[in-house]
Amino acid sequence: MDAVSPTLINLIIFVLAIYVGYHVVWTVTPALHTPLMAVTNAISAIVIVGAMLAAALTETPTGKVFGVLAVALAAVNVFGGFLVTRRMLEMFRKKDKKAAAAGDKQ
């Protein structure tokens, strides 16, 4: 007989992971946001592969539905992350001198 339910232990780990993740992300300096997004995109791509494997190996319809849902959410995360990363990198590009001069003449 277990003193503490394994479900309760998993719930505690999940809540602590959310708490630690929140504090880690909010303490990142702005200069590191772009590399952090790139790493997050890579992790989400790994999640997609794992979700596809889990969905393929499960036998119940509920498991397949959750597997497809996991793939869809991870895919949205990857594509959204790449869009945000691209916008952030565009902020650091130098403006074209010709475009700036043309804008000043008008």
N, C-alpha and C. Protein backbone atom coordinates (compact mmCIF):
# COMPACT_ATOMS: atom_id res chain seq x y z
N MET A 1 0.85 -1.18 0.00
CA MET A 1 0.00 0.00 0.00
C MET A 1 0.89 1.24 0.00
N ASP A 2 0.63 2.15 -0.95
CA ASP A 2 1.40 3.39 -1.05
C ASP A 2 0.87 4.42 -0.07
N ALA A 3 1.83 5.15 0.53
CA ALA A 3 1.45 6.20 1.47
C ALA A 3 0.87 7.39 0.71
N VAL A 4 1.42 7.67 -0.45
CA VAL A 4 0.95 8.79 -1.26
C VAL A 4 0.63 8.27 -2.65
N SER A 5 -0.47 8.73 -3.20
CA SER A 5 -0.91 8.29 -4.51
C SER A 5 0.09 8.74 -5.59
N PRO A 6 0.43 7.87 -6.53
CA PRO A 6 1.31 8.29 -7.64
C PRO A 6 0.71 9.43 -8.46
N THR A 7 -0.60 9.50 -8.55
CA THR A 7 -1.25 10.59 -9.27
C THR A 7 -0.98 11.92 -8.57
N LEU A 8 -1.02 11.93 -7.25
CA LEU A 8 -0.73 13.15 -6.49
C LEU A 8 0.72 13.57 -6.67
N ILE A 9 1.62 12.62 -6.68
CA ILE A 9 3.04 12.93 -6.90
C ILE A 9 3.24 13.53 -8.29
N ASN A 10 2.60 12.94 -9.30
CA ASN A 10 2.71 13.48 -10.66
C ASN A 10 2.11 14.88 -10.76
N LEU A 11 1.02 15.12 -10.05
CA LEU A 11 0.41 16.45 -10.05
C LEU A 11 1.33 17.47 -9.39
N ILE A 12 1.97 17.10 -8.30
CA ILE A 12 2.90 17.99 -7.62
C ILE A 12 4.09 18.32 -8.53
N ILE A 13 4.62 17.32 -9.22
CA ILE A 13 5.73 17.56 -10.15
C ILE A 13 5.30 18.49 -11.27
N PHE A 14 4.09 18.29 -11.78
CA PHE A 14 3.57 19.14 -12.85
C PHE A 14 3.45 20.59 -12.39
N VAL A 15 2.90 20.82 -11.21
CA VAL A 15 2.74 22.18 -10.69
C VAL A 15 4.09 22.82 -10.44
N LEU A 16 5.04 22.07 -9.89
CA LEU A 16 6.37 22.61 -9.66
C LEU A 16 7.08 22.94 -10.97
N ALA A 17 6.89 22.13 -12.01
CA ALA A 17 7.49 22.40 -13.31
C ALA A 17 6.93 23.70 -13.90
N ILE A 18 5.63 23.92 -13.74
CA ILE A 18 5.03 25.17 -14.22
C ILE A 18 5.62 26.35 -13.45
N TYR A 19 5.73 26.24 -12.14
CA TYR A 19 6.27 27.32 -11.31
C TYR A 19 7.71 27.64 -11.68
N VAL A 20 8.54 26.63 -11.78
CA VAL A 20 9.96 26.85 -12.11
C VAL A 20 10.09 27.39 -13.53
N GLY A 21 9.34 26.83 -14.47
CA GLY A 21 9.40 27.30 -15.85
C GLY A 21 9.01 28.76 -15.97
N TYR A 22 7.97 29.16 -15.26
CA TYR A 22 7.53 30.55 -15.28
C TYR A 22 8.63 31.48 -14.80
N HIS A 23 9.25 31.14 -13.69
CA HIS A 23 10.29 32.01 -13.14
C HIS A 23 11.57 31.99 -13.98
N VAL A 24 11.88 30.89 -14.60
CA VAL A 24 13.06 30.84 -15.46
C VAL A 24 12.86 31.70 -16.70
N VAL A 25 11.69 31.63 -17.32
CA VAL A 25 11.45 32.40 -18.53
C VAL A 25 11.41 33.89 -18.23
N TRP A 26 10.80 34.30 -17.14
CA TRP A 26 10.68 35.73 -16.85
C TRP A 26 11.97 36.36 -16.37
N THR A 27 13.00 35.56 -16.04
CA THR A 27 14.27 36.14 -15.62
C THR A 27 15.30 36.16 -16.75
N VAL A 28 14.91 35.76 -17.95
CA VAL A 28 15.83 35.78 -19.09
C VAL A 28 16.00 37.21 -19.57
N THR A 29 17.24 37.59 -19.85
CA THR A 29 17.49 38.94 -20.35
C THR A 29 16.98 39.04 -21.79
N PRO A 30 16.59 40.24 -22.22
CA PRO A 30 16.05 40.40 -23.57
C PRO A 30 17.00 39.93 -24.68
N ALA A 31 18.30 40.02 -24.46
CA ALA A 31 19.26 39.60 -25.49
C ALA A 31 19.21 38.10 -25.75
N LEU A 32 18.69 37.34 -24.81
CA LEU A 32 18.66 35.88 -24.96
C LEU A 32 17.30 35.35 -25.42
N HIS A 33 16.36 36.22 -25.68
CA HIS A 33 15.02 35.74 -26.06
C HIS A 33 15.03 34.99 -27.38
N THR A 34 15.78 35.48 -28.37
CA THR A 34 15.80 34.81 -29.68
C THR A 34 16.42 33.41 -29.58
N PRO A 35 17.60 33.25 -28.93
CA PRO A 35 18.12 31.88 -28.79
C PRO A 35 17.19 30.98 -27.98
N LEU A 36 16.52 31.54 -26.99
CA LEU A 36 15.59 30.75 -26.19
C LEU A 36 14.42 30.27 -27.04
N MET A 37 13.92 31.13 -27.94
CA MET A 37 12.84 30.73 -28.83
C MET A 37 13.29 29.62 -29.77
N ALA A 38 14.54 29.70 -30.24
CA ALA A 38 15.05 28.66 -31.15
C ALA A 38 15.12 27.32 -30.43
N VAL A 39 15.55 27.32 -29.18
CA VAL A 39 15.61 26.08 -28.41
C VAL A 39 14.21 25.55 -28.14
N THR A 40 13.28 26.44 -27.84
CA THR A 40 11.90 26.04 -27.60
C THR A 40 11.30 25.40 -28.86
N ASN A 41 11.62 25.95 -30.02
CA ASN A 41 11.13 25.36 -31.27
C ASN A 41 11.70 23.96 -31.47
N ALA A 42 12.96 23.77 -31.13
CA ALA A 42 13.57 22.45 -31.27
C ALA A 42 12.91 21.45 -30.33
N ILE A 43 12.63 21.87 -29.10
CA ILE A 43 11.98 20.99 -28.14
C ILE A 43 10.57 20.64 -28.61
N SER A 44 9.87 21.61 -29.17
CA SER A 44 8.52 21.36 -29.66
C SER A 44 8.54 20.39 -30.84
N ALA A 45 9.59 20.46 -31.66
CA ALA A 45 9.71 19.51 -32.77
C ALA A 45 9.90 18.10 -32.24
N ILE A 46 10.65 17.96 -31.15
CA ILE A 46 10.83 16.65 -30.53
C ILE A 46 9.50 16.16 -29.95
N VAL A 47 8.72 17.09 -29.39
CA VAL A 47 7.40 16.73 -28.86
C VAL A 47 6.49 16.22 -29.97
N ILE A 48 6.59 16.81 -31.16
CA ILE A 48 5.77 16.35 -32.29
C ILE A 48 6.11 14.90 -32.63
N VAL A 49 7.41 14.59 -32.68
CA VAL A 49 7.82 13.22 -32.99
C VAL A 49 7.32 12.25 -31.92
N GLY A 50 7.46 12.62 -30.65
CA GLY A 50 6.97 11.77 -29.56
C GLY A 50 5.47 11.60 -29.59
N ALA A 51 4.75 12.66 -29.90
CA ALA A 51 3.29 12.58 -29.96
C ALA A 51 2.84 11.70 -31.12
N MET A 52 3.54 11.78 -32.24
CA MET A 52 3.19 10.91 -33.37
C MET A 52 3.45 9.44 -33.02
N LEU A 53 4.54 9.18 -32.35
CA LEU A 53 4.81 7.81 -31.92
C LEU A 53 3.76 7.31 -30.93
N ALA A 54 3.41 8.16 -29.96
CA ALA A 54 2.42 7.78 -28.97
C ALA A 54 1.05 7.54 -29.62
N ALA A 55 0.69 8.40 -30.57
CA ALA A 55 -0.60 8.24 -31.24
C ALA A 55 -0.62 6.97 -32.09
N ALA A 56 0.51 6.64 -32.68
CA ALA A 56 0.56 5.45 -33.54
C ALA A 56 0.54 4.17 -32.73
N LEU A 57 1.13 4.19 -31.54
CA LEU A 57 1.26 2.96 -30.76
C LEU A 57 0.07 2.68 -29.85
N THR A 58 -0.79 3.66 -29.63
CA THR A 58 -1.93 3.43 -28.74
C THR A 58 -3.02 2.65 -29.47
N GLU A 59 -3.80 1.95 -28.68
CA GLU A 59 -4.84 1.10 -29.27
C GLU A 59 -6.25 1.66 -29.07
N THR A 60 -6.41 2.55 -28.11
CA THR A 60 -7.74 3.08 -27.82
C THR A 60 -8.02 4.33 -28.65
N PRO A 61 -9.27 4.56 -28.98
CA PRO A 61 -9.61 5.79 -29.73
C PRO A 61 -9.30 7.06 -28.94
N THR A 62 -9.46 7.01 -27.62
CA THR A 62 -9.16 8.19 -26.80
C THR A 62 -7.68 8.53 -26.88
N GLY A 63 -6.84 7.51 -26.83
CA GLY A 63 -5.41 7.73 -26.94
C GLY A 63 -5.02 8.33 -28.28
N LYS A 64 -5.66 7.86 -29.34
CA LYS A 64 -5.38 8.41 -30.67
C LYS A 64 -5.83 9.86 -30.77
N VAL A 65 -6.97 10.19 -30.18
CA VAL A 65 -7.47 11.57 -30.21
C VAL A 65 -6.50 12.48 -29.46
N PHE A 66 -6.05 12.06 -28.28
CA PHE A 66 -5.11 12.87 -27.53
C PHE A 66 -3.76 12.97 -28.24
N GLY A 67 -3.36 11.91 -28.93
CA GLY A 67 -2.12 11.96 -29.70
C GLY A 67 -2.19 12.95 -30.84
N VAL A 68 -3.30 12.94 -31.57
CA VAL A 68 -3.49 13.89 -32.67
C VAL A 68 -3.58 15.31 -32.12
N LEU A 69 -4.25 15.48 -31.00
CA LEU A 69 -4.33 16.81 -30.37
C LEU A 69 -2.94 17.30 -29.95
N ALA A 70 -2.13 16.42 -29.41
CA ALA A 70 -0.77 16.79 -29.01
C ALA A 70 0.06 17.19 -30.22
N VAL A 71 -0.08 16.46 -31.32
CA VAL A 71 0.65 16.80 -32.55
C VAL A 71 0.20 18.17 -33.05
N ALA A 72 -1.10 18.42 -33.06
CA ALA A 72 -1.62 19.70 -33.55
C ALA A 72 -1.14 20.87 -32.69
N LEU A 73 -1.22 20.72 -31.38
CA LEU A 73 -0.79 21.82 -30.50
C LEU A 73 0.71 22.07 -30.59
N ALA A 74 1.49 21.01 -30.68
CA ALA A 74 2.94 21.19 -30.81
C ALA A 74 3.29 21.83 -32.15
N ALA A 75 2.56 21.47 -33.21
CA ALA A 75 2.80 22.07 -34.52
C ALA A 75 2.49 23.57 -34.50
N VAL A 76 1.40 23.94 -33.86
CA VAL A 76 1.06 25.37 -33.72
C VAL A 76 2.17 26.08 -32.96
N ASN A 77 2.69 25.45 -31.92
CA ASN A 77 3.76 26.04 -31.13
C ASN A 77 5.02 26.23 -31.96
N VAL A 78 5.37 25.24 -32.78
CA VAL A 78 6.57 25.35 -33.61
C VAL A 78 6.42 26.47 -34.63
N PHE A 79 5.32 26.48 -35.38
CA PHE A 79 5.14 27.49 -36.42
C PHE A 79 5.02 28.89 -35.82
N GLY A 80 4.30 29.01 -34.72
CA GLY A 80 4.20 30.31 -34.05
C GLY A 80 5.55 30.77 -33.52
N GLY A 81 6.33 29.84 -33.00
CA GLY A 81 7.66 30.18 -32.50
C GLY A 81 8.58 30.66 -33.60
N PHE A 82 8.50 30.02 -34.77
CA PHE A 82 9.33 30.47 -35.89
C PHE A 82 8.89 31.86 -36.37
N LEU A 83 7.60 32.13 -36.36
CA LEU A 83 7.13 33.46 -36.77
C LEU A 83 7.61 34.53 -35.79
N VAL A 84 7.53 34.25 -34.51
CA VAL A 84 7.99 35.21 -33.50
C VAL A 84 9.50 35.41 -33.61
N THR A 85 10.24 34.32 -33.80
CA THR A 85 11.70 34.43 -33.93
C THR A 85 12.06 35.27 -35.15
N ARG A 86 11.35 35.06 -36.27
CA ARG A 86 11.64 35.84 -37.47
C ARG A 86 11.37 37.33 -37.25
N ARG A 87 10.27 37.63 -36.57
CA ARG A 87 9.97 39.05 -36.28
C ARG A 87 11.00 39.66 -35.36
N MET A 88 11.47 38.88 -34.39
CA MET A 88 12.48 39.41 -33.47
C MET A 88 13.80 39.65 -34.20
N LEU A 89 14.18 38.75 -35.10
CA LEU A 89 15.42 38.94 -35.85
C LEU A 89 15.32 40.12 -36.81
N GLU A 90 14.15 40.39 -37.36
CA GLU A 90 13.97 41.54 -38.24
C GLU A 90 14.16 42.85 -37.49
N MET A 91 13.89 42.87 -36.21
CA MET A 91 14.10 44.09 -35.42
C MET A 91 15.58 44.45 -35.33
N PHE A 92 16.47 43.46 -35.44
CA PHE A 92 17.89 43.71 -35.29
C PHE A 92 18.59 43.97 -36.62
N ARG A 93 17.89 43.87 -37.74
CA ARG A 93 18.50 44.15 -39.03
C ARG A 93 18.68 45.64 -39.21
N LYS A 94 19.76 45.99 -39.88
CA LYS A 94 20.01 47.41 -40.16
C LYS A 94 19.10 47.85 -41.28
N LYS A 95 18.61 49.06 -41.14
CA LYS A 95 17.73 49.62 -42.16
C LYS A 95 18.56 49.97 -43.39
N ASP A 96 17.94 49.85 -44.55
CA ASP A 96 18.61 50.19 -45.80
C ASP A 96 18.72 51.71 -45.90
N LYS A 97 19.91 52.20 -46.26
CA LYS A 97 20.11 53.65 -46.35
C LYS A 97 19.26 54.27 -47.46
N LYS A 98 19.08 53.56 -48.57
CA LYS A 98 18.28 54.08 -49.67
C LYS A 98 16.81 54.22 -49.26
N ALA A 99 16.30 53.25 -48.55
CA ALA A 99 14.91 53.30 -48.10
C ALA A 99 14.72 54.42 -47.09
N ALA A 100 15.70 54.63 -46.22
CA ALA A 100 15.61 55.70 -45.24
C ALA A 100 15.67 57.06 -45.92
N ALA A 101 16.55 57.22 -46.94
CA ALA A 101 16.67 58.49 -47.66
C ALA A 101 15.40 58.78 -48.45
N ALA A 102 14.81 57.78 -49.06
CA ALA A 102 13.58 57.97 -49.81
C ALA A 102 12.45 58.36 -48.88
N GLY A 103 12.45 57.84 -47.70
CA GLY A 103 11.40 58.17 -46.73
C GLY A 103 11.53 59.59 -46.22
N ASP A 104 12.78 60.10 -46.13
CA ASP A 104 13.00 61.46 -45.66
C ASP A 104 12.62 62.51 -46.72
N LYS A 105 12.74 62.18 -48.01
CA LYS A 105 12.44 63.12 -49.08
C LYS A 105 10.94 63.34 -49.26
N GLN A 106 10.13 62.39 -48.85
CA GLN A 106 8.68 62.50 -49.07
C GLN A 106 8.03 63.35 -48.06
